[in-house]
Amino acid sequence: MYIKVITTDSGLDDVKNKWISFEKKVNNQNITSSYIWQRTWWKHFKDYEDRNFGYNKKLCILFLYDKENILRAIAPFYEVVRKKRLLEYKMIEFLAQQWGATYLDIITNRLSKEEYNFIFDWLRKNRKYDLIELKYIPEFTSNFDLSKNNVTILSACPEVKIKDYKGIDFYVQEKYSKSLRQNLRTAKNRMKREHVNYREEILDTINGANFKEIEDISRSKLLDNKCCVYSDLRKKMFLKDMYYNSEFPCNVIKLILNDHLASYRINFLYNQAKYCIDASYDRNYSHYELGGLSVDLNIRDSFERRLLIHCMGTGIDFYKLKFTKQIVRIYTFLKKGNTLKALPLYIIKKRQNRRIEKKFNEQLKRNF
């Protein structure tokens, strides 16, 4: 076996067709490991430095080949410097795990133990780093042993496995509670009584005009002391780039009240699955159950498209768990580096990750 390492932007551009072809060959399920996502993310955030994104980022994407020169795996790593007070330490992380990720993993059918060891031995021999910390590894990974002591739960993504149900009516009857079905009916009846003109739209593109509408509605989150992703220029430009990218299908769920956009939900479609990326509603219409109505319409659209998976995005918010109790846990993998600082940093980081896991379990218990 041997490894080809990608360390430059031009090198990343050169492997586009090979990467995308390999995604299809191995039936990659991890949207944020896809080439389009990774390349666009790097374009917008490679020079962005702060506590969350880190400093002095360098690509370290590994292409693993077998003895017959056949591509076996793509490991989308990068090197980054982290700072805490006066302490600096070097990490190996997944590219794009710092913001916006859903699922990340080594892209392959299944790594053998020998191939797994070859990748991490290569890092140890060829790079100096204090820690390896890989986040957003889904519970369906075939590459990492999630029972190991160095693996902890980070969060989870609520999902609807569309393929497991005959149709939307069966799903609603089985998974929506009686009170949820009643609340959705009540919201529509209330709008009718109050002479509110309600309609639904489903779009497959975002253009300049509807992007401005979406941005304006998103800013209403600030009224609830929540974060508006479009307030950060780099995140805004990244999402805008992804929305407009013809190689990456986009799907928009819109609720219109009196010819005014009152709620939206934006999804990406990838490999017969839908991933919700962003959503918001106009706080002036919060009494009309817009959040619930848009989630319901989004699920119905996924059934109509005959997708396999409907993913609600990272986080086990209470409103998501009203529509599905099925979650895909996502994990953090931690590995000690090859420096003198590695062991104490490993101990500290492992404790931090355990606290995150404990907090997740407590939240899951409350919201279930």
Protein backbone atom coordinates (compact mmCIF):
# COMPACT_ATOMS: atom_id res chain seq x y z
CA MET A 1 0.00 0.00 0.00
CA TYR A 2 1.01 3.61 -0.41
CA ILE A 3 -0.43 7.05 0.25
CA LYS A 4 -0.65 10.11 -1.96
CA VAL A 5 -1.08 13.25 0.14
CA ILE A 6 -2.87 16.38 -1.07
CA THR A 7 -1.48 19.54 0.54
CA THR A 8 -2.28 22.34 -1.96
CA ASP A 9 -5.35 23.98 -3.47
CA SER A 10 -4.22 23.01 -6.96
CA GLY A 11 -3.75 19.43 -5.85
CA LEU A 12 -7.26 19.43 -4.43
CA ASP A 13 -8.61 20.78 -7.71
CA ASP A 14 -6.75 18.12 -9.69
CA VAL A 15 -8.41 15.21 -7.85
CA LYS A 16 -11.98 16.47 -8.26
CA ASN A 17 -13.12 13.92 -10.83
CA LYS A 18 -11.32 11.06 -9.10
CA TRP A 19 -12.82 11.98 -5.70
CA ILE A 20 -16.38 12.34 -7.02
CA SER A 21 -16.10 9.11 -8.97
CA PHE A 22 -14.86 7.30 -5.87
CA GLU A 23 -17.77 8.71 -3.79
CA LYS A 24 -20.19 7.08 -6.20
CA LYS A 25 -18.23 3.84 -6.38
CA VAL A 26 -18.34 3.29 -2.60
CA ASN A 27 -21.84 4.77 -2.18
CA ASN A 28 -20.63 7.46 0.22
CA GLN A 29 -23.36 8.38 2.73
CA ASN A 30 -21.65 11.34 4.36
CA ILE A 31 -22.65 14.60 2.70
CA THR A 32 -20.03 16.75 4.39
CA SER A 33 -17.29 14.34 3.27
CA SER A 34 -18.28 14.90 -0.36
CA TYR A 35 -15.86 16.68 -2.66
CA ILE A 36 -18.18 19.61 -3.44
CA TRP A 37 -18.77 20.33 0.25
CA GLN A 38 -15.11 19.93 1.23
CA ARG A 39 -13.71 22.00 -1.63
CA THR A 40 -16.22 24.82 -1.10
CA TRP A 41 -15.63 24.79 2.65
CA TRP A 42 -11.86 25.06 2.17
CA LYS A 43 -12.29 27.90 -0.32
CA HIS A 44 -14.17 30.03 2.21
CA PHE A 45 -12.58 29.07 5.54
CA LYS A 46 -8.93 28.19 4.88
CA ASP A 47 -7.77 31.67 5.94
CA TYR A 48 -10.43 32.22 8.61
CA GLU A 49 -8.75 32.12 12.01
CA ASP A 50 -10.38 32.18 15.42
CA ARG A 51 -10.79 29.93 18.44
CA ASN A 52 -13.31 27.62 16.75
CA PHE A 53 -11.70 27.37 13.33
CA GLY A 54 -8.10 27.31 14.56
CA TYR A 55 -4.94 28.79 13.08
CA ASN A 56 -2.39 28.04 10.39
CA LYS A 57 -4.49 25.45 8.58
CA LYS A 58 -2.83 23.05 6.13
CA LEU A 59 -4.41 20.38 3.96
CA CYS A 60 -3.42 16.79 4.67
CA ILE A 61 -5.84 14.77 2.55
CA LEU A 62 -4.72 11.15 2.18
CA PHE A 63 -5.48 8.94 -0.82
CA LEU A 64 -4.77 5.32 0.08
CA TYR A 65 -3.86 2.95 -2.76
CA ASP A 66 -3.35 -0.79 -2.64
CA LYS A 67 -0.45 -2.70 -4.21
CA GLU A 68 -2.33 -2.87 -7.52
CA ASN A 69 -2.59 0.93 -7.64
CA ILE A 70 -6.35 0.86 -6.92
CA LEU A 71 -7.76 3.66 -4.76
CA ARG A 72 -9.03 2.20 -1.50
CA ALA A 73 -9.86 5.21 0.67
CA ILE A 74 -9.84 9.01 0.95
CA ALA A 75 -9.14 10.48 4.39
CA PRO A 76 -10.06 14.21 4.31
CA PHE A 77 -7.72 15.43 7.06
CA TYR A 78 -6.08 18.73 7.72
CA GLU A 79 -3.56 20.11 10.18
CA VAL A 80 -4.50 23.01 12.43
CA VAL A 81 -2.99 24.87 15.36
CA ARG A 82 -5.19 25.35 18.43
CA LYS A 83 -4.62 27.96 21.13
CA LYS A 84 -5.76 28.05 24.73
CA ARG A 85 -4.43 31.00 26.70
CA LEU A 86 -0.65 30.78 26.29
CA LEU A 87 -0.68 27.16 25.14
CA GLU A 88 -0.43 26.22 21.45
CA TYR A 89 -0.92 22.68 20.21
CA LYS A 90 -1.21 21.01 16.83
CA MET A 91 -4.15 18.86 15.77
CA ILE A 92 -5.10 16.54 12.93
CA GLU A 93 -8.83 16.96 12.23
CA PHE A 94 -11.39 16.25 9.55
CA LEU A 95 -11.65 19.08 7.08
CA ALA A 96 -14.99 20.90 7.69
CA GLN A 97 -15.66 19.53 11.19
CA GLN A 98 -15.14 23.01 12.63
CA TRP A 99 -18.50 24.31 11.39
CA GLY A 100 -21.50 23.09 9.42
CA ALA A 101 -20.82 19.35 9.46
CA THR A 102 -23.45 16.61 9.54
CA TYR A 103 -21.57 13.35 8.97
CA LEU A 104 -17.83 12.98 8.38
CA ASP A 105 -15.76 9.84 7.88
CA ILE A 106 -12.97 8.28 5.88
CA ILE A 107 -14.48 7.64 2.44
CA THR A 108 -14.32 3.94 1.59
CA ASN A 109 -16.40 0.76 1.48
CA ARG A 110 -14.80 -0.64 4.59
CA LEU A 111 -11.26 -0.22 5.88
CA SER A 112 -9.47 -3.39 6.80
CA LYS A 113 -7.51 -3.34 10.04
CA GLU A 114 -4.32 -3.27 8.01
CA GLU A 115 -5.51 -0.25 5.95
CA TYR A 116 -6.69 1.57 9.07
CA ASN A 117 -3.32 1.07 10.74
CA PHE A 118 -1.48 2.09 7.57
CA ILE A 119 -3.26 5.48 7.48
CA PHE A 120 -2.60 6.34 11.12
CA ASP A 121 0.94 4.97 11.04
CA TRP A 122 1.61 7.20 8.03
CA LEU A 123 0.46 10.25 10.01
CA ARG A 124 2.65 9.32 12.96
CA LYS A 125 5.72 8.86 10.74
CA ASN A 126 5.20 11.86 8.46
CA ARG A 127 3.57 14.57 10.59
CA LYS A 128 4.21 16.12 14.01
CA TYR A 129 1.02 16.65 16.02
CA ASP A 130 -0.20 16.64 19.59
CA LEU A 131 -3.62 15.09 19.02
CA ILE A 132 -5.84 13.58 16.38
CA GLU A 133 -9.47 14.56 16.98
CA LEU A 134 -12.02 13.49 14.37
CA LYS A 135 -15.62 14.63 14.88
CA TYR A 136 -19.05 13.90 13.39
CA ILE A 137 -18.36 10.21 12.79
CA PRO A 138 -21.81 8.58 12.33
CA GLU A 139 -22.86 5.51 14.23
CA PHE A 140 -23.12 3.58 10.94
CA THR A 141 -19.37 3.96 10.28
CA SER A 142 -17.52 0.81 9.28
CA ASN A 143 -14.10 2.40 9.80
CA PHE A 144 -13.96 3.16 13.54
CA ASP A 145 -14.67 0.97 16.56
CA LEU A 146 -17.10 3.18 18.48
CA SER A 147 -16.91 0.99 21.59
CA LYS A 148 -13.32 2.06 22.27
CA ASN A 149 -12.45 4.17 25.31
CA ASN A 150 -11.16 7.01 23.14
CA VAL A 151 -14.51 7.49 21.35
CA THR A 152 -17.29 9.64 22.81
CA ILE A 153 -20.72 10.84 21.72
CA LEU A 154 -20.73 14.37 20.30
CA SER A 155 -24.39 14.78 19.34
CA ALA A 156 -26.95 13.17 17.05
CA CYS A 157 -29.04 13.77 13.94
CA PRO A 158 -32.76 12.90 14.06
CA GLU A 159 -33.73 11.02 10.90
CA VAL A 160 -36.70 9.53 9.09
CA LYS A 161 -35.85 6.37 7.18
CA ILE A 162 -38.29 6.93 4.33
CA LYS A 163 -37.53 3.51 2.83
CA ASP A 164 -38.96 1.76 5.91
CA TYR A 165 -42.52 3.07 5.39
CA LYS A 166 -45.15 2.46 2.71
CA GLY A 167 -45.97 6.15 2.45
CA ILE A 168 -46.47 9.42 4.30
CA ASP A 169 -49.95 8.51 5.59
CA PHE A 170 -48.57 5.38 7.27
CA TYR A 171 -45.71 7.37 8.74
CA VAL A 172 -47.96 10.12 10.13
CA GLN A 173 -50.32 7.62 11.74
CA GLU A 174 -47.48 5.65 13.28
CA LYS A 175 -45.04 8.39 14.34
CA TYR A 176 -47.00 11.62 14.83
CA SER A 177 -48.66 11.82 18.22
CA LYS A 178 -52.36 12.59 18.38
CA SER A 179 -51.61 16.01 19.89
CA LEU A 180 -49.08 16.82 17.13
CA ARG A 181 -51.60 15.99 14.40
CA GLN A 182 -54.18 18.10 16.19
CA ASN A 183 -51.79 21.07 16.58
CA LEU A 184 -51.03 21.09 12.86
CA ARG A 185 -54.74 21.00 11.99
CA THR A 186 -55.51 23.71 14.52
CA ALA A 187 -52.83 26.01 13.08
CA LYS A 188 -54.29 25.78 9.58
CA ASN A 189 -57.85 26.21 10.84
CA ARG A 190 -56.83 29.28 12.81
CA MET A 191 -55.30 30.91 9.73
CA LYS A 192 -58.49 30.14 7.82
CA ARG A 193 -60.67 31.69 10.53
CA GLU A 194 -58.48 34.79 10.64
CA HIS A 195 -58.61 35.10 6.83
CA VAL A 196 -54.88 34.53 6.43
CA ASN A 197 -54.04 33.41 2.91
CA TYR A 198 -51.78 30.38 3.48
CA ARG A 199 -49.93 28.50 0.79
CA GLU A 200 -46.93 26.20 0.47
CA GLU A 201 -44.12 26.29 -2.08
CA ILE A 202 -41.34 23.82 -2.81
CA LEU A 203 -38.42 25.08 -4.88
CA ASP A 204 -35.40 23.31 -6.32
CA THR A 205 -33.28 26.44 -6.73
CA ILE A 206 -32.27 29.52 -4.78
CA ASN A 207 -31.67 32.75 -6.69
CA GLY A 208 -30.77 36.29 -5.70
CA ALA A 209 -34.35 37.31 -4.98
CA ASN A 210 -35.37 34.44 -2.72
CA PHE A 211 -31.95 34.40 -1.03
CA LYS A 212 -32.62 37.97 0.17
CA GLU A 213 -36.02 36.83 1.54
CA ILE A 214 -34.37 33.91 3.33
CA GLU A 215 -31.69 36.12 4.83
CA ASP A 216 -34.27 38.59 6.14
CA ILE A 217 -36.34 35.86 7.81
CA SER A 218 -33.25 34.29 9.33
CA ARG A 219 -32.36 37.56 11.01
CA SER A 220 -35.59 37.35 12.99
CA LYS A 221 -33.82 34.66 15.07
CA LEU A 222 -31.98 37.50 16.74
CA LEU A 223 -35.25 38.47 18.46
CA ASP A 224 -35.04 35.15 20.36
CA ASN A 225 -31.33 35.63 21.09
CA LYS A 226 -30.48 32.90 18.59
CA CYS A 227 -27.71 32.93 16.02
CA CYS A 228 -28.33 34.06 12.44
CA VAL A 229 -25.85 32.25 10.22
CA TYR A 230 -26.01 35.00 7.59
CA SER A 231 -24.69 37.57 10.06
CA ASP A 232 -21.25 36.01 9.60
CA LEU A 233 -20.01 37.05 6.16
CA ARG A 234 -17.85 33.96 5.53
CA LYS A 235 -20.60 31.53 6.55
CA LYS A 236 -23.04 33.48 4.43
CA MET A 237 -20.79 33.32 1.39
CA PHE A 238 -20.11 29.62 1.91
CA LEU A 239 -23.82 28.80 2.04
CA LYS A 240 -24.57 31.08 -0.88
CA ASP A 241 -21.89 29.32 -2.89
CA MET A 242 -23.39 25.94 -2.01
CA TYR A 243 -26.95 27.08 -2.76
CA TYR A 244 -25.96 28.30 -6.21
CA ASN A 245 -23.75 25.28 -7.04
CA SER A 246 -25.43 23.37 -9.86
CA GLU A 247 -23.48 20.23 -8.93
CA PHE A 248 -25.10 20.08 -5.50
CA PRO A 249 -28.95 19.99 -5.62
CA CYS A 250 -30.75 22.33 -3.26
CA ASN A 251 -34.34 22.10 -2.00
CA VAL A 252 -36.34 24.89 -0.33
CA ILE A 253 -39.56 24.52 1.64
CA LYS A 254 -41.49 27.81 1.91
CA LEU A 255 -44.62 28.78 3.83
CA ILE A 256 -46.29 31.91 2.46
CA LEU A 257 -48.76 33.97 4.52
CA ASN A 258 -50.60 36.80 2.73
CA ASP A 259 -47.98 36.73 -0.04
CA HIS A 260 -45.21 37.15 2.55
CA LEU A 261 -42.51 34.55 3.18
CA ALA A 262 -43.16 33.49 6.77
CA SER A 263 -41.04 30.33 7.07
CA TYR A 264 -38.38 28.46 5.13
CA ARG A 265 -36.41 25.25 5.41
CA ILE A 266 -33.36 24.64 3.20
CA ASN A 267 -32.08 21.17 2.36
CA PHE A 268 -29.32 19.61 0.30
CA LEU A 269 -30.01 16.44 -1.66
CA TYR A 270 -27.19 13.92 -1.77
CA ASN A 271 -27.16 10.23 -2.66
CA GLN A 272 -30.92 9.68 -2.25
CA ALA A 273 -31.00 11.54 1.06
CA LYS A 274 -32.14 14.98 2.19
CA TYR A 275 -30.17 16.98 4.76
CA CYS A 276 -31.73 20.02 6.41
CA ILE A 277 -29.11 22.78 6.61
CA ASP A 278 -30.96 25.92 7.69
CA ALA A 279 -34.45 26.94 8.78
CA SER A 280 -36.25 29.89 10.31
CA TYR A 281 -39.62 31.62 10.54
CA ASP A 282 -40.91 35.16 10.93
CA ARG A 283 -41.40 35.73 14.67
CA ASN A 284 -44.42 37.94 13.90
CA TYR A 285 -46.26 34.74 12.91
CA SER A 286 -45.05 32.43 15.66
CA HIS A 287 -48.61 31.74 16.86
CA TYR A 288 -49.34 29.82 13.65
CA GLU A 289 -47.10 26.79 14.40
CA LEU A 290 -44.92 27.57 11.38
CA GLY A 291 -41.97 25.52 12.59
CA GLY A 292 -44.07 22.37 12.87
CA LEU A 293 -45.88 22.98 9.59
CA SER A 294 -42.61 23.41 7.71
CA VAL A 295 -41.10 20.24 9.21
CA ASP A 296 -44.23 18.33 8.26
CA LEU A 297 -44.17 19.66 4.69
CA ASN A 298 -40.46 18.86 4.42
CA ILE A 299 -41.03 15.24 5.45
CA ARG A 300 -43.94 14.94 3.02
CA ASP A 301 -41.73 16.25 0.23
CA SER A 302 -39.09 13.60 1.02
CA PHE A 303 -41.72 10.86 0.73
CA GLU A 304 -42.96 12.38 -2.53
CA ARG A 305 -39.41 12.31 -3.93
CA ARG A 306 -39.03 8.69 -2.82
CA LEU A 307 -35.80 9.43 -1.02
CA LEU A 308 -34.21 6.91 1.30
CA ILE A 309 -33.29 9.16 4.22
CA HIS A 310 -34.63 12.44 5.60
CA CYS A 311 -32.07 13.97 8.00
CA MET A 312 -33.13 16.88 10.20
CA GLY A 313 -29.58 18.04 10.84
CA THR A 314 -27.32 18.02 13.88
CA GLY A 315 -28.92 18.49 17.29
CA ILE A 316 -31.64 16.74 19.29
CA ASP A 317 -33.94 19.73 19.64
CA PHE A 318 -37.32 18.95 21.19
CA TYR A 319 -39.27 20.08 18.12
CA LYS A 320 -37.40 17.58 15.90
CA LEU A 321 -38.12 14.68 18.23
CA LYS A 322 -41.85 15.37 17.95
CA PHE A 323 -41.61 14.13 14.35
CA THR A 324 -39.22 11.21 14.79
CA LYS A 325 -37.67 9.29 17.65
CA GLN A 326 -34.99 7.78 15.47
CA ILE A 327 -31.58 9.38 15.86
CA VAL A 328 -28.14 8.73 14.39
CA ARG A 329 -25.53 9.37 17.05
CA ILE A 330 -22.35 11.12 15.92
CA TYR A 331 -19.04 10.54 17.65
CA THR A 332 -15.64 12.06 18.37
CA PHE A 333 -12.51 9.93 17.92
CA LEU A 334 -9.45 10.99 19.94
CA LYS A 335 -5.89 9.71 19.49
CA LYS A 336 -2.67 10.71 21.25
CA GLY A 337 -0.02 12.39 19.10
CA ASN A 338 3.74 11.98 18.81
CA THR A 339 5.02 14.96 20.86
CA LEU A 340 5.95 15.56 24.49
CA LYS A 341 2.71 17.51 25.03
CA ALA A 342 0.58 14.70 23.63
CA LEU A 343 -0.18 12.72 26.80
CA PRO A 344 -1.30 15.58 29.12
CA LEU A 345 -3.31 17.13 26.28
CA TYR A 346 -4.92 13.77 25.56
CA ILE A 347 -6.00 13.40 29.20
CA ILE A 348 -7.46 16.93 29.30
CA LYS A 349 -9.26 16.58 25.98
CA LYS A 350 -10.67 13.19 26.86
CA ARG A 351 -12.22 14.65 30.03
CA GLN A 352 -13.75 17.48 28.01
CA ASN A 353 -15.23 15.04 25.52
CA ARG A 354 -16.68 12.94 28.34
CA ARG A 355 -18.44 16.04 29.67
CA ILE A 356 -19.90 16.71 26.22
CA GLU A 357 -21.15 13.11 26.07
CA LYS A 358 -22.73 13.42 29.53
CA LYS A 359 -24.47 16.66 28.56
CA PHE A 360 -25.81 15.03 25.40
CA ASN A 361 -27.20 12.05 27.33
CA GLU A 362 -28.91 14.38 29.80
CA GLN A 363 -30.49 16.40 26.99
CA LEU A 364 -31.61 13.24 25.18
CA LYS A 365 -33.26 11.97 28.36
CA ARG A 366 -35.14 15.26 28.81
CA ASN A 367 -36.30 15.56 25.20
CA PHE A 368 -37.32 11.94 24.74
